[in-house]
Amino acid sequence: MNFSKILLCCFLLLFSPVLFAQESIDKVKSINGLELGATLESLQDQLQLITGKETVYQNHPFLAESFKRNLEAGIQEGIYQGHPLRIINGVEAHDLRLIYLSGLLYKCRWTFNKRDLPNMDSGFKDFINFFSKKFGPPTEKIFNDTFIWEGDINRLTISFLDGSIQVEWRDNLSDKKAILLTQD
């Protein structure tokens, strides 16, 4: 009986880190069902695609020009109109933006406000804990309002600024390509 307890302890010491290991940010396939690299067509029927004809673009020439530059570079943004993909850690975001480069999803941005999370401070801490359990500690922290999990391929950022919380998940390589394509 003593030998089996010793054997069990040795097994747990050797294999428990593997059993309880966190996921690498670069190996994660999806967050809440959203998979980076998915095609625009796979969710197009649930998206309100930004056209540039919206009032905000018509009233701000700089934004209109920026939008036009994005479209010419193959960047298309849509507002997700469905329900399940908006939920992170049991909280539904009032806004979920999906950004595509050449028809492939490369950036997702969930925005939560006081309507979604009555206690924003507590909600922000809950998101940090949720993703820390999933991916380990953040690789970078900027002040106390931005937490980043940076991988070679993917990046997750949680920010609490101006009364809203944003969770952004992106493909770093596509993001760099998009930036290069839209520079003047």
Protein backbone atom coordinates (compact mmCIF):
# COMPACT_ATOMS: atom_id res chain seq x y z
CA MET A 1 0.00 0.00 0.00
CA ASN A 2 2.83 2.38 0.85
CA PHE A 3 4.56 1.64 -2.45
CA SER A 4 1.42 2.50 -4.44
CA LYS A 5 1.12 5.87 -2.65
CA ILE A 6 4.75 6.64 -3.45
CA LEU A 7 4.22 5.61 -7.07
CA LEU A 8 1.08 7.79 -7.28
CA CYS A 9 2.95 10.80 -5.82
CA CYS A 10 5.80 10.34 -8.31
CA PHE A 11 3.29 10.10 -11.16
CA LEU A 12 1.52 13.28 -10.07
CA LEU A 13 4.79 15.17 -9.67
CA LEU A 14 5.94 14.16 -13.13
CA PHE A 15 2.72 14.53 -15.07
CA SER A 16 0.58 17.11 -13.26
CA PRO A 17 2.28 20.07 -15.00
CA VAL A 18 1.38 18.48 -18.33
CA LEU A 19 -2.20 17.76 -17.25
CA PHE A 20 -2.80 21.30 -16.01
CA ALA A 21 -0.64 23.17 -18.53
CA GLN A 22 -2.01 26.33 -20.04
CA GLU A 23 -2.55 26.73 -23.73
CA SER A 24 -0.01 28.62 -25.81
CA ILE A 25 -1.47 31.78 -27.37
CA ASP A 26 0.04 30.68 -30.69
CA LYS A 27 -1.53 27.21 -30.59
CA VAL A 28 -5.06 28.28 -29.73
CA LYS A 29 -7.39 27.48 -32.62
CA SER A 30 -10.27 29.71 -31.63
CA ILE A 31 -11.57 32.04 -28.98
CA ASN A 32 -15.26 31.62 -28.41
CA GLY A 33 -15.64 29.83 -31.74
CA LEU A 34 -13.89 32.51 -33.79
CA GLU A 35 -10.99 31.08 -35.70
CA LEU A 36 -8.35 33.39 -37.10
CA GLY A 37 -7.92 32.65 -40.79
CA ALA A 38 -11.63 31.81 -41.27
CA THR A 39 -13.11 33.11 -44.51
CA LEU A 40 -15.38 36.13 -44.75
CA GLU A 41 -17.96 33.94 -46.47
CA SER A 42 -18.24 31.68 -43.40
CA LEU A 43 -19.87 34.47 -41.35
CA GLN A 44 -20.97 36.94 -44.03
CA ASP A 45 -24.67 36.28 -43.44
CA GLN A 46 -24.20 37.30 -39.77
CA LEU A 47 -22.19 40.45 -40.51
CA GLN A 48 -23.15 44.01 -41.23
CA LEU A 49 -20.26 44.95 -43.48
CA ILE A 50 -18.97 48.50 -43.12
CA THR A 51 -19.44 50.26 -46.47
CA GLY A 52 -17.99 53.71 -45.86
CA LYS A 53 -21.44 55.26 -46.46
CA GLU A 54 -22.15 55.34 -42.72
CA THR A 55 -22.64 58.81 -41.20
CA VAL A 56 -19.37 58.73 -39.27
CA TYR A 57 -17.42 58.35 -42.53
CA GLN A 58 -19.48 60.95 -44.37
CA ASN A 59 -18.92 63.51 -41.60
CA HIS A 60 -15.18 62.90 -41.22
CA PRO A 61 -13.11 63.08 -44.42
CA PHE A 62 -10.04 61.64 -42.68
CA LEU A 63 -11.99 58.51 -41.64
CA ALA A 64 -13.49 58.20 -45.12
CA GLU A 65 -10.03 58.35 -46.69
CA SER A 66 -8.69 55.80 -44.20
CA PHE A 67 -11.64 53.49 -44.94
CA LYS A 68 -11.06 53.83 -48.70
CA ARG A 69 -7.36 52.99 -48.23
CA ASN A 70 -8.32 49.90 -46.20
CA LEU A 71 -10.74 48.68 -48.87
CA GLU A 72 -8.12 49.17 -51.60
CA ALA A 73 -5.69 47.10 -49.49
CA GLY A 74 -8.23 44.27 -49.15
CA ILE A 75 -9.25 45.04 -45.55
CA GLN A 76 -12.95 44.62 -44.81
CA GLU A 77 -14.61 45.18 -41.43
CA GLY A 78 -17.92 43.81 -40.29
CA ILE A 79 -20.10 44.10 -37.20
CA TYR A 80 -21.21 40.68 -35.99
CA GLN A 81 -25.01 40.59 -35.68
CA GLY A 82 -25.36 37.14 -34.10
CA HIS A 83 -25.30 36.11 -30.47
CA PRO A 84 -23.00 33.25 -29.44
CA LEU A 85 -19.69 34.64 -30.70
CA ARG A 86 -20.19 37.82 -28.66
CA ILE A 87 -19.85 35.96 -25.35
CA ILE A 88 -16.52 35.76 -23.52
CA ASN A 89 -16.31 34.30 -20.01
CA GLY A 90 -20.10 34.32 -19.76
CA VAL A 91 -20.45 38.02 -20.63
CA GLU A 92 -22.01 39.22 -23.88
CA ALA A 93 -20.28 42.14 -25.59
CA HIS A 94 -22.48 44.83 -27.07
CA ASP A 95 -20.12 45.07 -30.06
CA LEU A 96 -18.00 42.52 -31.90
CA ARG A 97 -15.96 43.68 -34.89
CA LEU A 98 -14.40 41.19 -37.28
CA ILE A 99 -11.67 42.45 -39.58
CA TYR A 100 -10.60 40.56 -42.67
CA LEU A 101 -7.54 40.86 -44.90
CA SER A 102 -8.02 39.45 -48.38
CA GLY A 103 -11.13 37.65 -47.16
CA LEU A 104 -9.46 35.97 -44.15
CA LEU A 105 -10.23 36.87 -40.53
CA TYR A 106 -7.17 38.38 -38.86
CA LYS A 107 -8.58 40.49 -36.03
CA CYS A 108 -11.52 40.22 -33.61
CA ARG A 109 -12.46 43.00 -31.21
CA TRP A 110 -15.08 42.58 -28.48
CA THR A 111 -16.19 45.78 -26.73
CA PHE A 112 -17.94 45.70 -23.37
CA ASN A 113 -19.47 48.68 -21.63
CA LYS A 114 -21.39 49.34 -18.41
CA ARG A 115 -24.56 47.94 -19.96
CA ASP A 116 -22.73 44.60 -20.47
CA LEU A 117 -20.82 44.69 -17.17
CA PRO A 118 -22.42 46.80 -14.42
CA ASN A 119 -19.20 46.54 -12.36
CA MET A 120 -16.52 47.33 -14.94
CA ASP A 121 -13.57 47.06 -12.52
CA SER A 122 -14.58 43.60 -11.38
CA GLY A 123 -15.37 42.55 -14.96
CA PHE A 124 -11.94 43.68 -16.14
CA LYS A 125 -10.25 41.64 -13.41
CA ASP A 126 -12.42 38.64 -14.30
CA PHE A 127 -11.27 38.82 -17.94
CA ILE A 128 -7.62 39.02 -16.87
CA ASN A 129 -8.09 35.99 -14.59
CA PHE A 130 -9.97 34.08 -17.29
CA PHE A 131 -7.24 34.56 -19.89
CA SER A 132 -4.42 34.08 -17.34
CA LYS A 133 -5.86 30.66 -16.51
CA LYS A 134 -6.08 29.86 -20.21
CA PHE A 135 -2.73 31.28 -21.43
CA GLY A 136 -0.65 31.89 -18.31
CA PRO A 137 0.43 35.30 -17.06
CA PRO A 138 0.40 38.22 -19.51
CA THR A 139 3.67 38.84 -21.32
CA GLU A 140 3.26 42.59 -20.94
CA LYS A 141 1.30 44.99 -18.77
CA ILE A 142 0.93 48.69 -19.56
CA PHE A 143 0.01 50.61 -16.44
CA ASN A 144 -2.95 48.78 -14.93
CA ASP A 145 -5.30 49.18 -17.88
CA THR A 146 -3.77 47.05 -20.65
CA PHE A 147 -2.70 43.41 -20.45
CA ILE A 148 -1.08 41.62 -23.40
CA TRP A 149 -0.43 37.97 -24.20
CA GLU A 150 2.08 38.11 -27.06
CA GLY A 151 3.08 35.10 -29.08
CA ASP A 152 5.07 34.78 -32.28
CA ILE A 153 1.85 34.34 -34.28
CA ASN A 154 -1.07 35.62 -32.18
CA ARG A 155 -1.66 38.43 -29.73
CA LEU A 156 -4.43 38.95 -27.19
CA THR A 157 -4.91 42.37 -25.62
CA ILE A 158 -7.35 43.40 -22.89
CA SER A 159 -7.73 47.14 -22.34
CA PHE A 160 -9.87 49.15 -19.94
CA LEU A 161 -9.96 52.67 -21.33
CA ASP A 162 -12.56 55.44 -21.47
CA GLY A 163 -15.24 53.44 -19.67
CA SER A 164 -15.14 50.38 -21.91
CA ILE A 165 -13.26 47.09 -21.99
CA GLN A 166 -11.87 45.83 -25.27
CA VAL A 167 -10.63 42.33 -25.89
CA GLU A 168 -8.69 42.10 -29.14
CA TRP A 169 -7.36 38.89 -30.61
CA ARG A 170 -5.29 39.07 -33.77
CA ASP A 171 -2.88 37.36 -36.08
CA ASN A 172 0.35 39.37 -35.79
CA LEU A 173 1.68 38.51 -39.25
CA SER A 174 -1.52 39.58 -41.01
CA ASP A 175 -1.73 42.71 -38.86
CA LYS A 176 1.80 43.73 -39.89
CA LYS A 177 0.92 43.06 -43.53
CA ALA A 178 -2.27 45.16 -43.21
CA ILE A 179 -0.29 48.06 -41.71
CA LEU A 180 2.24 47.93 -44.56
CA LEU A 181 -0.55 47.84 -47.17
CA THR A 182 -2.27 50.92 -45.74
CA GLN A 183 0.74 53.16 -45.19
CA ASP A 184 1.02 56.17 -47.47
